[in-house]
């Protein structure tokens, strides 16, 4: 199932997207989908890393 999303872009970002689309021969929708997927993956990874770091701080053992 697909979902349609309408996005308003600042002029510079829209221009950069148009240029990239023409240079690569890819449509703008595919470029935006790939960019969003990468952004979401990186964001998810950072959150997991942060959560993991917090959990490991709470389980430190002190050996004497």
N, C-alpha and C. Protein backbone atom coordinates (compact mmCIF):
# COMPACT_ATOMS: atom_id res chain seq x y z
N UNK A 1 0.84 -1.18 0.00
CA UNK A 1 0.00 0.00 0.00
C UNK A 1 0.88 1.24 0.00
N UNK A 2 0.49 2.21 -0.74
CA UNK A 2 1.24 3.46 -0.82
C UNK A 2 0.47 4.59 -0.17
N UNK A 3 1.19 5.58 0.28
CA UNK A 3 0.60 6.77 0.87
C UNK A 3 1.17 7.98 0.13
N UNK A 4 0.33 8.93 -0.15
CA UNK A 4 0.77 10.14 -0.86
C UNK A 4 1.00 11.24 0.17
N UNK A 5 2.13 11.92 0.04
CA UNK A 5 2.49 12.99 0.95
C UNK A 5 2.87 14.22 0.13
N UNK A 6 2.28 15.32 0.46
CA UNK A 6 2.61 16.57 -0.22
C UNK A 6 3.54 17.37 0.69
N UNK A 7 4.67 17.81 0.14
CA UNK A 7 5.67 18.50 0.94
C UNK A 7 6.01 19.84 0.31
N UNK A 8 6.11 20.85 1.12
CA UNK A 8 6.53 22.17 0.67
C UNK A 8 8.02 22.31 0.94
N UNK A 9 8.79 22.59 -0.10
CA UNK A 9 10.25 22.71 0.04
C UNK A 9 10.70 24.15 -0.11
N UNK A 10 11.72 24.55 0.64
CA UNK A 10 12.33 25.86 0.40
C UNK A 10 12.88 25.89 -1.03
N UNK A 11 12.92 27.06 -1.61
CA UNK A 11 13.33 27.21 -3.01
C UNK A 11 14.68 26.56 -3.30
N UNK A 12 15.67 26.76 -2.45
CA UNK A 12 17.01 26.21 -2.68
C UNK A 12 16.97 24.68 -2.69
N UNK A 13 16.24 24.09 -1.76
CA UNK A 13 16.14 22.64 -1.71
C UNK A 13 15.42 22.09 -2.95
N UNK A 14 14.37 22.77 -3.36
CA UNK A 14 13.64 22.36 -4.57
C UNK A 14 14.53 22.46 -5.80
N UNK A 15 15.33 23.52 -5.89
CA UNK A 15 16.25 23.69 -7.01
C UNK A 15 17.30 22.60 -7.01
N UNK A 16 17.87 22.31 -5.85
CA UNK A 16 18.87 21.24 -5.75
C UNK A 16 18.27 19.89 -6.14
N UNK A 17 17.04 19.63 -5.73
CA UNK A 17 16.38 18.39 -6.09
C UNK A 17 16.15 18.30 -7.60
N UNK A 18 15.73 19.39 -8.20
CA UNK A 18 15.52 19.42 -9.66
C UNK A 18 16.82 19.16 -10.41
N UNK A 19 17.89 19.79 -9.96
CA UNK A 19 19.19 19.62 -10.61
C UNK A 19 19.65 18.17 -10.50
N UNK A 20 19.55 17.60 -9.31
CA UNK A 20 19.97 16.21 -9.11
C UNK A 20 19.13 15.27 -9.96
N UNK A 21 17.84 15.53 -10.04
CA UNK A 21 16.95 14.70 -10.84
C UNK A 21 17.37 14.71 -12.31
N UNK A 22 17.66 15.89 -12.81
CA UNK A 22 18.08 16.01 -14.23
C UNK A 22 19.45 15.39 -14.46
N UNK A 23 20.37 15.59 -13.52
CA UNK A 23 21.72 15.05 -13.68
C UNK A 23 21.75 13.52 -13.64
N UNK A 24 20.90 12.94 -12.80
CA UNK A 24 20.93 11.49 -12.61
C UNK A 24 19.89 10.75 -13.46
N UNK A 25 18.93 11.48 -14.00
CA UNK A 25 17.87 10.84 -14.77
C UNK A 25 16.84 10.13 -13.89
N UNK A 26 16.90 10.37 -12.60
CA UNK A 26 15.96 9.75 -11.66
C UNK A 26 14.82 10.73 -11.38
N UNK A 27 13.64 10.20 -11.08
CA UNK A 27 12.56 11.13 -10.77
C UNK A 27 12.68 11.62 -9.33
N UNK A 28 12.10 12.78 -9.09
CA UNK A 28 12.23 13.44 -7.79
C UNK A 28 11.64 12.59 -6.67
N UNK A 29 10.56 11.92 -6.95
CA UNK A 29 9.92 11.09 -5.93
C UNK A 29 10.86 10.00 -5.44
N UNK A 30 11.56 9.34 -6.35
CA UNK A 30 12.50 8.28 -5.95
C UNK A 30 13.66 8.84 -5.13
N UNK A 31 14.14 10.01 -5.50
CA UNK A 31 15.24 10.63 -4.75
C UNK A 31 14.79 10.96 -3.33
N UNK A 32 13.59 11.53 -3.20
CA UNK A 32 13.08 11.89 -1.89
C UNK A 32 12.81 10.64 -1.05
N UNK A 33 12.24 9.59 -1.66
CA UNK A 33 11.99 8.34 -0.91
C UNK A 33 13.30 7.75 -0.40
N UNK A 34 14.33 7.72 -1.23
CA UNK A 34 15.61 7.16 -0.82
C UNK A 34 16.23 8.01 0.29
N UNK A 35 16.16 9.33 0.14
CA UNK A 35 16.72 10.23 1.15
C UNK A 35 16.00 10.10 2.49
N UNK A 36 14.68 10.01 2.44
CA UNK A 36 13.90 9.87 3.67
C UNK A 36 14.18 8.53 4.35
N UNK A 37 14.27 7.47 3.56
CA UNK A 37 14.57 6.15 4.13
C UNK A 37 15.93 6.17 4.83
N UNK A 38 16.91 6.79 4.20
CA UNK A 38 18.25 6.87 4.81
C UNK A 38 18.22 7.71 6.09
N UNK A 39 17.51 8.83 6.06
CA UNK A 39 17.39 9.69 7.24
C UNK A 39 16.75 8.92 8.40
N UNK A 40 15.65 8.21 8.10
CA UNK A 40 14.96 7.46 9.14
C UNK A 40 15.82 6.34 9.70
N UNK A 41 16.57 5.66 8.84
CA UNK A 41 17.47 4.60 9.30
C UNK A 41 18.53 5.16 10.23
N UNK A 42 19.16 6.27 9.83
CA UNK A 42 20.20 6.89 10.66
C UNK A 42 19.62 7.36 11.99
N UNK A 43 18.44 7.94 11.95
CA UNK A 43 17.80 8.42 13.18
C UNK A 43 17.50 7.25 14.11
N UNK A 44 16.98 6.16 13.57
CA UNK A 44 16.67 4.97 14.36
C UNK A 44 17.95 4.41 14.98
N UNK A 45 19.03 4.37 14.20
CA UNK A 45 20.31 3.86 14.67
C UNK A 45 20.83 4.72 15.82
N UNK A 46 20.77 6.04 15.68
CA UNK A 46 21.24 6.94 16.74
C UNK A 46 20.44 6.75 18.03
N UNK A 47 19.11 6.59 17.88
CA UNK A 47 18.29 6.39 19.08
C UNK A 47 18.61 5.08 19.76
N UNK A 48 18.82 4.02 18.98
CA UNK A 48 19.17 2.72 19.57
C UNK A 48 20.53 2.80 20.26
N UNK A 49 21.46 3.51 19.63
CA UNK A 49 22.79 3.67 20.20
C UNK A 49 22.71 4.44 21.52
N UNK A 50 21.91 5.49 21.54
CA UNK A 50 21.74 6.30 22.75
C UNK A 50 21.08 5.47 23.85
N UNK A 51 20.05 4.71 23.50
CA UNK A 51 19.36 3.86 24.47
C UNK A 51 20.30 2.81 25.01
N UNK A 52 21.09 2.21 24.14
CA UNK A 52 22.04 1.18 24.55
C UNK A 52 23.09 1.75 25.50
N UNK A 53 23.57 2.96 25.20
CA UNK A 53 24.57 3.60 26.06
C UNK A 53 23.99 3.89 27.44
N UNK A 54 22.74 4.34 27.50
CA UNK A 54 22.10 4.63 28.79
C UNK A 54 21.92 3.35 29.59
N UNK A 55 21.53 2.29 28.92
CA UNK A 55 21.31 1.01 29.61
C UNK A 55 22.63 0.46 30.14
N UNK A 56 23.69 0.60 29.36
CA UNK A 56 24.97 0.05 29.80
C UNK A 56 25.56 0.87 30.95
N UNK A 57 25.25 2.15 31.04
CA UNK A 57 25.73 2.96 32.16
C UNK A 57 25.09 2.52 33.46
N UNK A 58 23.85 2.09 33.39
CA UNK A 58 23.16 1.67 34.60
C UNK A 58 23.56 0.29 35.07
N UNK A 59 24.26 -0.46 34.25
CA UNK A 59 24.61 -1.83 34.64
C UNK A 59 26.11 -2.03 34.82
N UNK A 60 26.81 -0.96 35.14
CA UNK A 60 28.24 -1.10 35.37
C UNK A 60 28.52 -1.77 36.70
N UNK A 61 29.47 -2.64 36.70
CA UNK A 61 29.85 -3.33 37.93
C UNK A 61 31.14 -2.73 38.45
N UNK A 62 31.25 -2.68 39.74
CA UNK A 62 32.47 -2.18 40.37
C UNK A 62 33.16 -3.34 41.06
N UNK A 63 34.30 -3.70 40.57
CA UNK A 63 35.06 -4.82 41.17
C UNK A 63 36.16 -4.24 42.04
N UNK A 64 36.34 -4.85 43.19
CA UNK A 64 37.39 -4.37 44.09
C UNK A 64 38.32 -5.48 44.43
